[in-house]
Full PDB file with SEQRES, HELIX, SHEET, SSBOND, CRYST1, ORIGX, SCALE, CONECT and MASTER records, all heavy atoms in Angstrom:
SEQRES   1 A   40  THR GLN LYS ARG LEU LYS ASP PHE ALA LYS TYR GLN ILE          
SEQRES   2 A   40  ASN ASP GLU LEU VAL ALA HIS ALA LYS PRO ASP TYR MET          
SEQRES   3 A   40  PHE LEU HIS CYS LEU PRO ALA HIS ARG GLU GLU GLU VAL          
SEQRES   4 A   40  ALA                                                          
HELIX    1 AA1 GLN A    2  ASP A    7  1                                   6    
HELIX    2 AA2 ALA A    9  TYR A   11  5                                   3    
HELIX    3 AA3 ASP A   15  VAL A   18  1                                   4    
CRYST1    1.000    1.000    1.000  90.00  90.00  90.00 P 1           1          
ORIGX1      1.000000  0.000000  0.000000        0.00000                         
ORIGX2      0.000000  1.000000  0.000000        0.00000                         
ORIGX3      0.000000  0.000000  1.000000        0.00000                         
SCALE1      1.000000  0.000000  0.000000        0.00000                         
SCALE2      0.000000  1.000000  0.000000        0.00000                         
SCALE3      0.000000  0.000000  1.000000        0.00000                         
ATOM      1  N   THR A   1      32.764 -38.998  46.241  1.00  0.00           N  
ATOM      2  CA  THR A   1      31.610 -38.106  46.270  1.00  0.00           C  
ATOM      3  C   THR A   1      31.681 -36.998  45.234  1.00  0.00           C  
ATOM      4  O   THR A   1      30.737 -36.786  44.454  1.00  0.00           O  
ATOM      5  CB  THR A   1      31.435 -37.496  47.668  1.00  0.00           C  
ATOM      6  OG1 THR A   1      31.196 -38.536  48.613  1.00  0.00           O  
ATOM      7  CG2 THR A   1      30.269 -36.521  47.686  1.00  0.00           C  
ATOM      8  N   GLN A   2      32.753 -36.260  45.187  1.00  0.00           N  
ATOM      9  CA  GLN A   2      32.847 -35.114  44.280  1.00  0.00           C  
ATOM     10  C   GLN A   2      32.794 -35.556  42.814  1.00  0.00           C  
ATOM     11  O   GLN A   2      32.141 -34.909  41.987  1.00  0.00           O  
ATOM     12  CB  GLN A   2      34.123 -34.319  44.564  1.00  0.00           C  
ATOM     13  CG  GLN A   2      34.122 -33.634  45.920  1.00  0.00           C  
ATOM     14  CD  GLN A   2      32.886 -32.768  46.142  1.00  0.00           C  
ATOM     15  OE1 GLN A   2      32.505 -31.963  45.282  1.00  0.00           O  
ATOM     16  NE2 GLN A   2      32.252 -32.928  47.300  1.00  0.00           N  
ATOM     17  N   LYS A   3      33.466 -36.633  42.493  1.00  0.00           N  
ATOM     18  CA  LYS A   3      33.432 -37.138  41.117  1.00  0.00           C  
ATOM     19  C   LYS A   3      32.028 -37.580  40.747  1.00  0.00           C  
ATOM     20  O   LYS A   3      31.530 -37.309  39.639  1.00  0.00           O  
ATOM     21  CB  LYS A   3      34.405 -38.298  40.950  1.00  0.00           C  
ATOM     22  CG  LYS A   3      34.468 -38.864  39.527  1.00  0.00           C  
ATOM     23  CD  LYS A   3      35.480 -39.988  39.425  1.00  0.00           C  
ATOM     24  CE  LYS A   3      35.674 -40.429  37.976  1.00  0.00           C  
ATOM     25  NZ  LYS A   3      34.403 -40.881  37.332  1.00  0.00           N  
ATOM     26  N   ARG A   4      31.362 -38.258  41.661  1.00  0.00           N  
ATOM     27  CA  ARG A   4      30.020 -38.735  41.390  1.00  0.00           C  
ATOM     28  C   ARG A   4      29.025 -37.576  41.249  1.00  0.00           C  
ATOM     29  O   ARG A   4      28.114 -37.633  40.408  1.00  0.00           O  
ATOM     30  CB  ARG A   4      29.557 -39.697  42.494  1.00  0.00           C  
ATOM     31  CG  ARG A   4      30.190 -41.081  42.370  1.00  0.00           C  
ATOM     32  CD  ARG A   4      29.866 -41.982  43.550  1.00  0.00           C  
ATOM     33  NE  ARG A   4      30.319 -43.346  43.279  1.00  0.00           N  
ATOM     34  CZ  ARG A   4      29.560 -44.305  42.768  1.00  0.00           C  
ATOM     35  NH1 ARG A   4      28.293 -44.073  42.501  1.00  0.00           N  
ATOM     36  NH2 ARG A   4      30.047 -45.507  42.536  1.00  0.00           N  
ATOM     37  N   LEU A   5      29.163 -36.561  42.050  1.00  0.00           N  
ATOM     38  CA  LEU A   5      28.286 -35.388  41.907  1.00  0.00           C  
ATOM     39  C   LEU A   5      28.378 -34.806  40.502  1.00  0.00           C  
ATOM     40  O   LEU A   5      27.367 -34.396  39.916  1.00  0.00           O  
ATOM     41  CB  LEU A   5      28.640 -34.327  42.946  1.00  0.00           C  
ATOM     42  CG  LEU A   5      28.235 -34.622  44.392  1.00  0.00           C  
ATOM     43  CD1 LEU A   5      28.790 -33.559  45.326  1.00  0.00           C  
ATOM     44  CD2 LEU A   5      26.711 -34.704  44.521  1.00  0.00           C  
ATOM     45  N   LYS A   6      29.560 -34.802  39.960  1.00  0.00           N  
ATOM     46  CA  LYS A   6      29.768 -34.293  38.602  1.00  0.00           C  
ATOM     47  C   LYS A   6      29.216 -35.260  37.557  1.00  0.00           C  
ATOM     48  O   LYS A   6      28.511 -34.853  36.622  1.00  0.00           O  
ATOM     49  CB  LYS A   6      31.258 -34.052  38.358  1.00  0.00           C  
ATOM     50  CG  LYS A   6      31.589 -33.519  36.978  1.00  0.00           C  
ATOM     51  CD  LYS A   6      33.084 -33.309  36.825  1.00  0.00           C  
ATOM     52  CE  LYS A   6      33.425 -32.808  35.417  1.00  0.00           C  
ATOM     53  NZ  LYS A   6      34.900 -32.603  35.255  1.00  0.00           N  
ATOM     54  N   ASP A   7      29.517 -36.544  37.724  1.00  0.00           N  
ATOM     55  CA  ASP A   7      29.110 -37.547  36.731  1.00  0.00           C  
ATOM     56  C   ASP A   7      27.600 -37.744  36.683  1.00  0.00           C  
ATOM     57  O   ASP A   7      27.049 -38.093  35.630  1.00  0.00           O  
ATOM     58  CB  ASP A   7      29.790 -38.884  37.026  1.00  0.00           C  
ATOM     59  CG  ASP A   7      31.293 -38.842  36.815  1.00  0.00           C  
ATOM     60  OD1 ASP A   7      31.785 -37.882  36.181  1.00  0.00           O  
ATOM     61  OD2 ASP A   7      31.976 -39.775  37.294  1.00  0.00           O  
ATOM     62  N   PHE A   8      26.925 -37.539  37.817  1.00  0.00           N  
ATOM     63  CA  PHE A   8      25.487 -37.797  37.891  1.00  0.00           C  
ATOM     64  C   PHE A   8      24.650 -36.523  37.759  1.00  0.00           C  
ATOM     65  O   PHE A   8      23.415 -36.598  37.873  1.00  0.00           O  
ATOM     66  CB  PHE A   8      25.138 -38.474  39.229  1.00  0.00           C  
ATOM     67  CG  PHE A   8      25.502 -39.932  39.299  1.00  0.00           C  
ATOM     68  CD1 PHE A   8      26.796 -40.316  39.607  1.00  0.00           C  
ATOM     69  CD2 PHE A   8      24.565 -40.918  39.065  1.00  0.00           C  
ATOM     70  CE1 PHE A   8      27.147 -41.652  39.687  1.00  0.00           C  
ATOM     71  CE2 PHE A   8      24.891 -42.261  39.140  1.00  0.00           C  
ATOM     72  CZ  PHE A   8      26.193 -42.639  39.450  1.00  0.00           C  
ATOM     73  N   ALA A   9      25.276 -35.399  37.503  1.00  0.00           N  
ATOM     74  CA  ALA A   9      24.575 -34.112  37.522  1.00  0.00           C  
ATOM     75  C   ALA A   9      23.333 -34.079  36.619  1.00  0.00           C  
ATOM     76  O   ALA A   9      22.335 -33.433  36.943  1.00  0.00           O  
ATOM     77  CB  ALA A   9      25.533 -32.993  37.135  1.00  0.00           C  
ATOM     78  N   LYS A  10      23.379 -34.777  35.507  1.00  0.00           N  
ATOM     79  CA  LYS A  10      22.263 -34.758  34.553  1.00  0.00           C  
ATOM     80  C   LYS A  10      21.243 -35.869  34.837  1.00  0.00           C  
ATOM     81  O   LYS A  10      20.324 -36.072  34.039  1.00  0.00           O  
ATOM     82  CB  LYS A  10      22.791 -34.894  33.127  1.00  0.00           C  
ATOM     83  CG  LYS A  10      23.670 -33.729  32.686  1.00  0.00           C  
ATOM     84  CD  LYS A  10      24.154 -33.923  31.262  1.00  0.00           C  
ATOM     85  CE  LYS A  10      25.039 -32.749  30.821  1.00  0.00           C  
ATOM     86  NZ  LYS A  10      25.537 -32.921  29.427  1.00  0.00           N  
ATOM     87  N   TYR A  11      21.409 -36.544  35.970  1.00  0.00           N  
ATOM     88  CA  TYR A  11      20.533 -37.674  36.286  1.00  0.00           C  
ATOM     89  C   TYR A  11      19.639 -37.412  37.497  1.00  0.00           C  
ATOM     90  O   TYR A  11      19.076 -38.345  38.069  1.00  0.00           O  
ATOM     91  CB  TYR A  11      21.370 -38.944  36.488  1.00  0.00           C  
ATOM     92  CG  TYR A  11      21.966 -39.438  35.190  1.00  0.00           C  
ATOM     93  CD1 TYR A  11      23.108 -38.835  34.660  1.00  0.00           C  
ATOM     94  CD2 TYR A  11      21.378 -40.473  34.473  1.00  0.00           C  
ATOM     95  CE1 TYR A  11      23.649 -39.259  33.453  1.00  0.00           C  
ATOM     96  CE2 TYR A  11      21.909 -40.900  33.267  1.00  0.00           C  
ATOM     97  CZ  TYR A  11      23.044 -40.296  32.756  1.00  0.00           C  
ATOM     98  OH  TYR A  11      23.573 -40.708  31.553  1.00  0.00           O  
ATOM     99  N   GLN A  12      19.492 -36.153  37.873  1.00  0.00           N  
ATOM    100  CA  GLN A  12      18.591 -35.829  38.975  1.00  0.00           C  
ATOM    101  C   GLN A  12      17.141 -36.059  38.554  1.00  0.00           C  
ATOM    102  O   GLN A  12      16.734 -35.689  37.447  1.00  0.00           O  
ATOM    103  CB  GLN A  12      18.756 -34.382  39.415  1.00  0.00           C  
ATOM    104  CG  GLN A  12      17.906 -34.023  40.629  1.00  0.00           C  
ATOM    105  CD  GLN A  12      17.906 -32.538  40.939  1.00  0.00           C  
ATOM    106  OE1 GLN A  12      17.247 -31.755  40.252  1.00  0.00           O  
ATOM    107  NE2 GLN A  12      18.672 -32.146  41.956  1.00  0.00           N  
ATOM    108  N   ILE A  13      16.367 -36.651  39.434  1.00  0.00           N  
ATOM    109  CA  ILE A  13      14.930 -36.801  39.188  1.00  0.00           C  
ATOM    110  C   ILE A  13      14.250 -35.526  39.681  1.00  0.00           C  
ATOM    111  O   ILE A  13      14.151 -35.273  40.875  1.00  0.00           O  
ATOM    112  CB  ILE A  13      14.373 -38.043  39.894  1.00  0.00           C  
ATOM    113  CG1 ILE A  13      15.002 -39.303  39.283  1.00  0.00           C  
ATOM    114  CG2 ILE A  13      12.846 -38.104  39.771  1.00  0.00           C  
ATOM    115  CD1 ILE A  13      14.532 -40.598  39.885  1.00  0.00           C  
ATOM    116  N   ASN A  14      13.840 -34.720  38.743  1.00  0.00           N  
ATOM    117  CA  ASN A  14      13.238 -33.426  39.047  1.00  0.00           C  
ATOM    118  C   ASN A  14      11.939 -33.266  38.262  1.00  0.00           C  
ATOM    119  O   ASN A  14      11.505 -34.167  37.538  1.00  0.00           O  
ATOM    120  CB  ASN A  14      14.223 -32.292  38.732  1.00  0.00           C  
ATOM    121  CG  ASN A  14      14.812 -32.420  37.331  1.00  0.00           C  
ATOM    122  OD1 ASN A  14      14.113 -32.837  36.392  1.00  0.00           O  
ATOM    123  ND2 ASN A  14      16.084 -32.091  37.173  1.00  0.00           N  
ATOM    124  N   ASP A  15      11.307 -32.102  38.412  1.00  0.00           N  
ATOM    125  CA  ASP A  15      10.010 -31.878  37.768  1.00  0.00           C  
ATOM    126  C   ASP A  15      10.097 -31.983  36.251  1.00  0.00           C  
ATOM    127  O   ASP A  15       9.167 -32.484  35.603  1.00  0.00           O  
ATOM    128  CB  ASP A  15       9.458 -30.509  38.176  1.00  0.00           C  
ATOM    129  CG  ASP A  15       9.096 -30.442  39.648  1.00  0.00           C  
ATOM    130  OD1 ASP A  15       8.499 -31.419  40.159  1.00  0.00           O  
ATOM    131  OD2 ASP A  15       9.411 -29.437  40.297  1.00  0.00           O  
ATOM    132  N   GLU A  16      11.188 -31.526  35.689  1.00  0.00           N  
ATOM    133  CA  GLU A  16      11.359 -31.595  34.233  1.00  0.00           C  
ATOM    134  C   GLU A  16      11.419 -33.038  33.756  1.00  0.00           C  
ATOM    135  O   GLU A  16      10.807 -33.398  32.738  1.00  0.00           O  
ATOM    136  CB  GLU A  16      12.633 -30.852  33.825  1.00  0.00           C  
ATOM    137  CG  GLU A  16      12.876 -30.844  32.326  1.00  0.00           C  
ATOM    138  CD  GLU A  16      14.154 -30.108  31.948  1.00  0.00           C  
ATOM    139  OE1 GLU A  16      14.825 -29.566  32.859  1.00  0.00           O  
ATOM    140  OE2 GLU A  16      14.476 -30.085  30.749  1.00  0.00           O  
ATOM    141  N   LEU A  17      12.136 -33.875  34.501  1.00  0.00           N  
ATOM    142  CA  LEU A  17      12.281 -35.269  34.088  1.00  0.00           C  
ATOM    143  C   LEU A  17      10.978 -36.050  34.279  1.00  0.00           C  
ATOM    144  O   LEU A  17      10.550 -36.789  33.378  1.00  0.00           O  
ATOM    145  CB  LEU A  17      13.407 -35.941  34.870  1.00  0.00           C  
ATOM    146  CG  LEU A  17      13.692 -37.400  34.505  1.00  0.00           C  
ATOM    147  CD1 LEU A  17      14.083 -37.530  33.029  1.00  0.00           C  
ATOM    148  CD2 LEU A  17      14.803 -37.966  35.394  1.00  0.00           C  
ATOM    149  N   VAL A  18      10.326 -35.902  35.433  1.00  0.00           N  
ATOM    150  CA  VAL A  18       9.116 -36.699  35.682  1.00  0.00           C  
ATOM    151  C   VAL A  18       7.942 -36.243  34.833  1.00  0.00           C  
ATOM    152  O   VAL A  18       6.931 -36.952  34.742  1.00  0.00           O  
ATOM    153  CB  VAL A  18       8.720 -36.681  37.183  1.00  0.00           C  
ATOM    154  CG1 VAL A  18       9.805 -37.322  38.022  1.00  0.00           C  
ATOM    155  CG2 VAL A  18       8.407 -35.267  37.660  1.00  0.00           C  
ATOM    156  N   ALA A  19       8.063 -35.107  34.161  1.00  0.00           N  
ATOM    157  CA  ALA A  19       7.021 -34.685  33.234  1.00  0.00           C  
ATOM    158  C   ALA A  19       6.875 -35.676  32.086  1.00  0.00           C  
ATOM    159  O   ALA A  19       5.833 -35.722  31.413  1.00  0.00           O  
ATOM    160  CB  ALA A  19       7.333 -33.292  32.687  1.00  0.00           C  
ATOM    161  N   HIS A  20       7.898 -36.496  31.875  1.00  0.00           N  
ATOM    162  CA  HIS A  20       7.854 -37.510  30.814  1.00  0.00           C  
ATOM    163  C   HIS A  20       7.185 -38.800  31.290  1.00  0.00           C  
ATOM    164  O   HIS A  20       6.855 -39.659  30.466  1.00  0.00           O  
ATOM    165  CB  HIS A  20       9.272 -37.824  30.334  1.00  0.00           C  
ATOM    166  CG  HIS A  20       9.962 -36.659  29.697  1.00  0.00           C  
ATOM    167  ND1 HIS A  20       9.752 -36.299  28.384  1.00  0.00           N  
ATOM    168  CD2 HIS A  20      10.833 -35.754  30.206  1.00  0.00           C  
ATOM    169  CE1 HIS A  20      10.490 -35.231  28.093  1.00  0.00           C  
ATOM    170  NE2 HIS A  20      11.153 -34.880  29.189  1.00  0.00           N  
ATOM    171  N   ALA A  21       7.005 -38.940  32.593  1.00  0.00           N  
ATOM    172  CA  ALA A  21       6.331 -40.123  33.137  1.00  0.00           C  
ATOM    173  C   ALA A  21       4.823 -39.939  33.042  1.00  0.00           C  
ATOM    174  O   ALA A  21       4.322 -38.881  32.632  1.00  0.00           O  
ATOM    175  CB  ALA A  21       6.751 -40.339  34.588  1.00  0.00           C  
ATOM    176  N   LYS A  22       4.070 -40.978  33.423  1.00  0.00           N  
ATOM    177  CA  LYS A  22       2.620 -40.839  33.449  1.00  0.00           C  
ATOM    178  C   LYS A  22       2.221 -39.823  34.516  1.00  0.00           C  
ATOM    179  O   LYS A  22       2.920 -39.688  35.530  1.00  0.00           O  
ATOM    180  CB  LYS A  22       1.973 -42.193  33.712  1.00  0.00           C  
ATOM    181  CG  LYS A  22       2.141 -43.171  32.547  1.00  0.00           C  
ATOM    182  CD  LYS A  22       1.441 -44.486  32.810  1.00  0.00           C  
ATOM    183  CE  LYS A  22       1.615 -45.430  31.626  1.00  0.00           C  
ATOM    184  NZ  LYS A  22       0.984 -46.757  31.864  1.00  0.00           N  
ATOM    185  N   PRO A  23       1.130 -39.097  34.313  1.00  0.00           N  
ATOM    186  CA  PRO A  23       0.743 -38.046  35.276  1.00  0.00           C  
ATOM    187  C   PRO A  23       0.596 -38.550  36.708  1.00  0.00           C  
ATOM    188  O   PRO A  23       0.877 -37.819  37.657  1.00  0.00           O  
ATOM    189  CB  PRO A  23      -0.596 -37.537  34.714  1.00  0.00           C  
ATOM    190  CG  PRO A  23      -0.516 -37.832  33.243  1.00  0.00           C  
ATOM    191  CD  PRO A  23       0.229 -39.133  33.150  1.00  0.00           C  
ATOM    192  N   ASP A  24       0.153 -39.790  36.867  1.00  0.00           N  
ATOM    193  CA  ASP A  24      -0.049 -40.327  38.208  1.00  0.00           C  
ATOM    194  C   ASP A  24       1.104 -41.241  38.632  1.00  0.00           C  
ATOM    195  O   ASP A  24       0.932 -42.140  39.465  1.00  0.00           O  
ATOM    196  CB  ASP A  24      -1.359 -41.101  38.288  1.00  0.00           C  
ATOM    197  CG  ASP A  24      -1.376 -42.327  37.375  1.00  0.00           C  
ATOM    198  OD1 ASP A  24      -0.509 -42.420  36.480  1.00  0.00           O  
ATOM    199  OD2 ASP A  24      -2.252 -43.199  37.558  1.00  0.00           O  
ATOM    200  N   TYR A  25       2.292 -41.003  38.095  1.00  0.00           N  
ATOM    201  CA  TYR A  25       3.457 -41.826  38.426  1.00  0.00           C  
ATOM    202  C   TYR A  25       3.682 -41.873  39.939  1.00  0.00           C  
ATOM    203  O   TYR A  25       3.313 -40.948  40.673  1.00  0.00           O  
ATOM    204  CB  TYR A  25       4.716 -41.274  37.740  1.00  0.00           C  
ATOM    205  CG  TYR A  25       5.327 -40.083  38.457  1.00  0.00           C  
ATOM    206  CD1 TYR A  25       6.375 -40.254  39.363  1.00  0.00           C  
ATOM    207  CD2 TYR A  25       4.834 -38.790  38.268  1.00  0.00           C  
ATOM    208  CE1 TYR A  25       6.924 -39.177  40.042  1.00  0.00           C  
ATOM    209  CE2 TYR A  25       5.372 -37.707  38.935  1.00  0.00           C  
ATOM    210  CZ  TYR A  25       6.418 -37.907  39.829  1.00  0.00           C  
ATOM    211  OH  TYR A  25       6.955 -36.837  40.514  1.00  0.00           O  
ATOM    212  N   MET A  26       4.299 -42.942  40.398  1.00  0.00           N  
ATOM    213  CA  MET A  26       4.697 -43.075  41.790  1.00  0.00           C  
ATOM    214  C   MET A  26       6.190 -42.806  41.899  1.00  0.00           C  
ATOM    215  O   MET A  26       6.976 -43.393  41.147  1.00  0.00           O  
ATOM    216  CB  MET A  26       4.399 -44.479  42.305  1.00  0.00           C  
ATOM    217  CG  MET A  26       2.939 -44.863  42.304  1.00  0.00           C  
ATOM    218  SD  MET A  26       2.692 -46.603  42.803  1.00  0.00           S  
ATOM    219  CE  MET A  26       3.304 -46.569  44.496  1.00  0.00           C  
ATOM    220  N   PHE A  27       6.591 -41.951  42.819  1.00  0.00           N  
ATOM    221  CA  PHE A  27       8.019 -41.768  43.075  1.00  0.00           C  
ATOM    222  C   PHE A  27       8.427 -42.650  44.245  1.00  0.00           C  
ATOM    223  O   PHE A  27       7.789 -42.650  45.306  1.00  0.00           O  
ATOM    224  CB  PHE A  27       8.378 -40.319  43.395  1.00  0.00           C  
ATOM    225  CG  PHE A  27       9.832 -40.175  43.772  1.00  0.00           C  
ATOM    226  CD1 PHE A  27      10.814 -40.275  42.804  1.00  0.00           C  
ATOM    227  CD2 PHE A  27      10.217 -40.019  45.100  1.00  0.00           C  
ATOM    228  CE1 PHE A  27      12.165 -40.195  43.135  1.00  0.00           C  
ATOM    229  CE2 PHE A  27      11.557 -39.939  45.450  1.00  0.00           C  
ATOM    230  CZ  PHE A  27      12.535 -40.030  44.459  1.00  0.00           C  
ATOM    231  N   LEU A  28       9.521 -43.394  44.050  1.00  0.00           N  
ATOM    232  CA  LEU A  28      10.032 -44.304  45.068  1.00  0.00           C  
ATOM    233  C   LEU A  28      11.505 -44.036  45.333  1.00  0.00           C  
ATOM    234  O   LEU A  28      12.252 -43.645  44.425  1.00  0.00           O  
ATOM    235  CB  LEU A  28       9.855 -45.758  44.619  1.00  0.00           C  
ATOM    236  CG  LEU A  28       8.421 -46.219  44.318  1.00  0.00           C  
ATOM    237  CD1 LEU A  28       8.425 -47.625  43.725  1.00  0.00           C  
ATOM    238  CD2 LEU A  28       7.558 -46.178  45.572  1.00  0.00           C  
ATOM    239  N   HIS A  29      11.907 -44.249  46.558  1.00  0.00           N  
ATOM    240  CA  HIS A  29      13.313 -44.077  46.961  1.00  0.00           C  
ATOM    241  C   HIS A  29      13.548 -44.987  48.159  1.00  0.00           C  
ATOM    242  O   HIS A  29      12.747 -45.020  49.091  1.00  0.00           O  
ATOM    243  CB  HIS A  29      13.583 -42.629  47.339  1.00  0.00           C  
ATOM    244  CG  HIS A  29      15.036 -42.260  47.451  1.00  0.00           C  
ATOM    245  ND1 HIS A  29      15.919 -42.900  48.298  1.00  0.00           N  
ATOM    246  CD2 HIS A  29      15.760 -41.304  46.805  1.00  0.00           C  
ATOM    247  CE1 HIS A  29      17.120 -42.349  48.171  1.00  0.00           C  
ATOM    248  NE2 HIS A  29      17.053 -41.387  47.268  1.00  0.00           N  
ATOM    249  N   CYS A  30      14.652 -45.742  48.143  1.00  0.00           N  
ATOM    250  CA  CYS A  30      14.910 -46.695  49.232  1.00  0.00           C  
ATOM    251  C   CYS A  30      15.320 -46.015  50.535  1.00  0.00           C  
ATOM    252  O   CYS A  30      15.271 -46.641  51.592  1.00  0.00           O  
ATOM    253  CB  CYS A  30      15.967 -47.705  48.801  1.00  0.00           C  
ATOM    254  SG  CYS A  30      17.516 -46.965  48.249  1.00  0.00           S  
ATOM    255  N   LEU A  31      15.737 -44.756  50.479  1.00  0.00           N  
ATOM    256  CA  LEU A  31      16.153 -43.967  51.640  1.00  0.00           C  
ATOM    257  C   LEU A  31      17.415 -44.536  52.289  1.00  0.00           C  
ATOM    258  O   LEU A  31      17.659 -45.743  52.186  1.00  0.00           O  
ATOM    259  CB  LEU A  31      15.019 -43.856  52.662  1.00  0.00           C  
ATOM    260  CG  LEU A  31      13.738 -43.185  52.171  1.00  0.00           C  
ATOM    261  CD1 LEU A  31      12.687 -43.159  53.292  1.00  0.00           C  
ATOM    262  CD2 LEU A  31      13.981 -41.786  51.644  1.00  0.00           C  
ATOM    263  N   PRO A  32      18.244 -43.723  52.902  1.00  0.00           N  
ATOM    264  CA  PRO A  32      18.090 -42.287  53.079  1.00  0.00           C  
ATOM    265  C   PRO A  32      18.283 -41.533  51.761  1.00  0.00           C  
ATOM    266  O   PRO A  32      18.946 -42.039  50.850  1.00  0.00           O  
ATOM    267  CB  PRO A  32      19.192 -41.927  54.079  1.00  0.00           C  
ATOM    268  CG  PRO A  32      20.249 -42.947  53.820  1.00  0.00           C  
ATOM    269  CD  PRO A  32      19.513 -44.217  53.508  1.00  0.00           C  
ATOM    270  N   ALA A  33      17.704 -40.338  51.686  1.00  0.00           N  
ATOM    271  CA  ALA A  33      17.760 -39.533  50.463  1.00  0.00           C  
ATOM    272  C   ALA A  33      18.545 -38.250  50.698  1.00  0.00           C  
ATOM    273  O   ALA A  33      18.582 -37.722  51.809  1.00  0.00           O  
ATOM    274  CB  ALA A  33      16.349 -39.190  50.013  1.00  0.00           C  
ATOM    275  N   HIS A  34      19.164 -37.771  49.635  1.00  0.00           N  
ATOM    276  CA  HIS A  34      19.850 -36.476  49.648  1.00  0.00           C  
ATOM    277  C   HIS A  34      19.061 -35.526  48.753  1.00  0.00           C  
ATOM    278  O   HIS A  34      19.233 -35.521  47.528  1.00  0.00           O  
ATOM    279  CB  HIS A  34      21.290 -36.618  49.144  1.00  0.00           C  
ATOM    280  CG  HIS A  34      22.152 -37.475  50.019  1.00  0.00           C  
ATOM    281  ND1 HIS A  34      23.304 -38.070  49.575  1.00  0.00           N  
ATOM    282  CD2 HIS A  34      22.019 -37.841  51.323  1.00  0.00           C  
ATOM    283  CE1 HIS A  34      23.859 -38.758  50.556  1.00  0.00           C  
ATOM    284  NE2 HIS A  34      23.083 -38.632  51.633  1.00  0.00           N  
ATOM    285  N   ARG A  35      18.189 -34.778  49.363  1.00  0.00           N  
ATOM    286  CA  ARG A  35      17.373 -33.844  48.593  1.00  0.00           C  
ATOM    287  C   ARG A  35      18.247 -32.832  47.860  1.00  0.00           C  
ATOM    288  O   ARG A  35      19.237 -32.352  48.395  1.00  0.00           O  
ATOM    289  CB  ARG A  35      16.367 -33.133  49.504  1.00  0.00           C  
ATOM    290  CG  ARG A  35      15.229 -34.051  49.969  1.00  0.00           C  
ATOM    291  CD  ARG A  35      14.443 -33.454  51.107  1.00  0.00           C  
ATOM    292  NE  ARG A  35      13.240 -34.222  51.436  1.00  0.00           N  
ATOM    293  CZ  ARG A  35      13.224 -35.360  52.122  1.00  0.00           C  
ATOM    294  NH1 ARG A  35      14.377 -35.851  52.573  1.00  0.00           N  
ATOM    295  NH2 ARG A  35      12.098 -35.986  52.360  1.00  0.00           N  
ATOM    296  N   GLU A  36      17.835 -32.556  46.632  1.00  0.00           N  
ATOM    297  CA  GLU A  36      18.533 -31.651  45.717  1.00  0.00           C  
ATOM    298  C   GLU A  36      19.836 -32.249  45.182  1.00  0.00           C  
ATOM    299  O   GLU A  36      20.606 -31.551  44.527  1.00  0.00           O  
ATOM    300  CB  GLU A  36      18.774 -30.275  46.345  1.00  0.00           C  
ATOM    301  CG  GLU A  36      17.492 -29.545  46.717  1.00  0.00           C  
ATOM    302  CD  GLU A  36      16.508 -29.418  45.561  1.00  0.00           C  
ATOM    303  OE1 GLU A  36      16.963 -29.210  44.418  1.00  0.00           O  
ATOM    304  OE2 GLU A  36      15.290 -29.548  45.796  1.00  0.00           O  
ATOM    305  N   GLU A  37      20.078 -33.526  45.431  1.00  0.00           N  
ATOM    306  CA  GLU A  37      21.131 -34.254  44.709  1.00  0.00           C  
ATOM    307  C   GLU A  37      20.437 -35.198  43.733  1.00  0.00           C  
ATOM    308  O   GLU A  37      20.096 -34.794  42.634  1.00  0.00           O  
ATOM    309  CB  GLU A  37      22.060 -35.001  45.672  1.00  0.00           C  
ATOM    310  CG  GLU A  37      23.030 -34.079  46.394  1.00  0.00           C  
ATOM    311  CD  GLU A  37      24.084 -34.837  47.179  1.00  0.00           C  
ATOM    312  OE1 GLU A  37      24.284 -36.043  46.917  1.00  0.00           O  
ATOM    313  OE2 GLU A  37      24.715 -34.226  48.055  1.00  0.00           O  
ATOM    314  N   GLU A  38      20.180 -36.448  44.143  1.00  0.00           N  
ATOM    315  CA  GLU A  38      19.572 -37.397  43.208  1.00  0.00           C  
ATOM    316  C   GLU A  38      18.099 -37.114  42.935  1.00  0.00           C  
ATOM    317  O   GLU A  38      17.543 -37.572  41.933  1.00  0.00           O  
ATOM    318  CB  GLU A  38      19.731 -38.840  43.719  1.00  0.00           C  
ATOM    319  CG  GLU A  38      18.852 -39.215  44.888  1.00  0.00           C  
ATOM    320  CD  GLU A  38      19.462 -38.924  46.241  1.00  0.00           C  
ATOM    321  OE1 GLU A  38      20.527 -38.258  46.274  1.00  0.00           O  
ATOM    322  OE2 GLU A  38      18.917 -39.353  47.263  1.00  0.00           O  
ATOM    323  N   VAL A  39      17.451 -36.336  43.815  1.00  0.00           N  
ATOM    324  CA  VAL A  39      16.037 -36.023  43.621  1.00  0.00           C  
ATOM    325  C   VAL A  39      15.738 -34.611  44.106  1.00  0.00           C  
ATOM    326  O   VAL A  39      16.266 -34.165  45.136  1.00  0.00           O  
ATOM    327  CB  VAL A  39      15.143 -37.043  44.363  1.00  0.00           C  
ATOM    328  CG1 VAL A  39      15.461 -37.078  45.858  1.00  0.00           C  
ATOM    329  CG2 VAL A  39      13.659 -36.775  44.117  1.00  0.00           C  
ATOM    330  N   ALA A  40      14.900 -33.920  43.357  1.00  0.00           N  
ATOM    331  CA  ALA A  40      14.476 -32.578  43.752  1.00  0.00           C  
ATOM    332  C   ALA A  40      13.502 -32.675  44.925  1.00  0.00           C  
ATOM    333  O   ALA A  40      12.701 -33.613  45.008  1.00  0.00           O  
ATOM    334  CB  ALA A  40      13.816 -31.869  42.578  1.00  0.00           C  
TER     335      ALA A  40                                                      
MASTER        0    0    0    3    0    0    0    6  334    1    0    4          
END                                                                             
């Protein structure tokens, strides 16, 4: 867990990243989700 948190830190799907997608993009997640880790 701790190593992965460090290695994936720049891979969070957040508002800055999805700004590069189409405006009407769909966000999908297979769940369960860890908010503020892999996704804002």
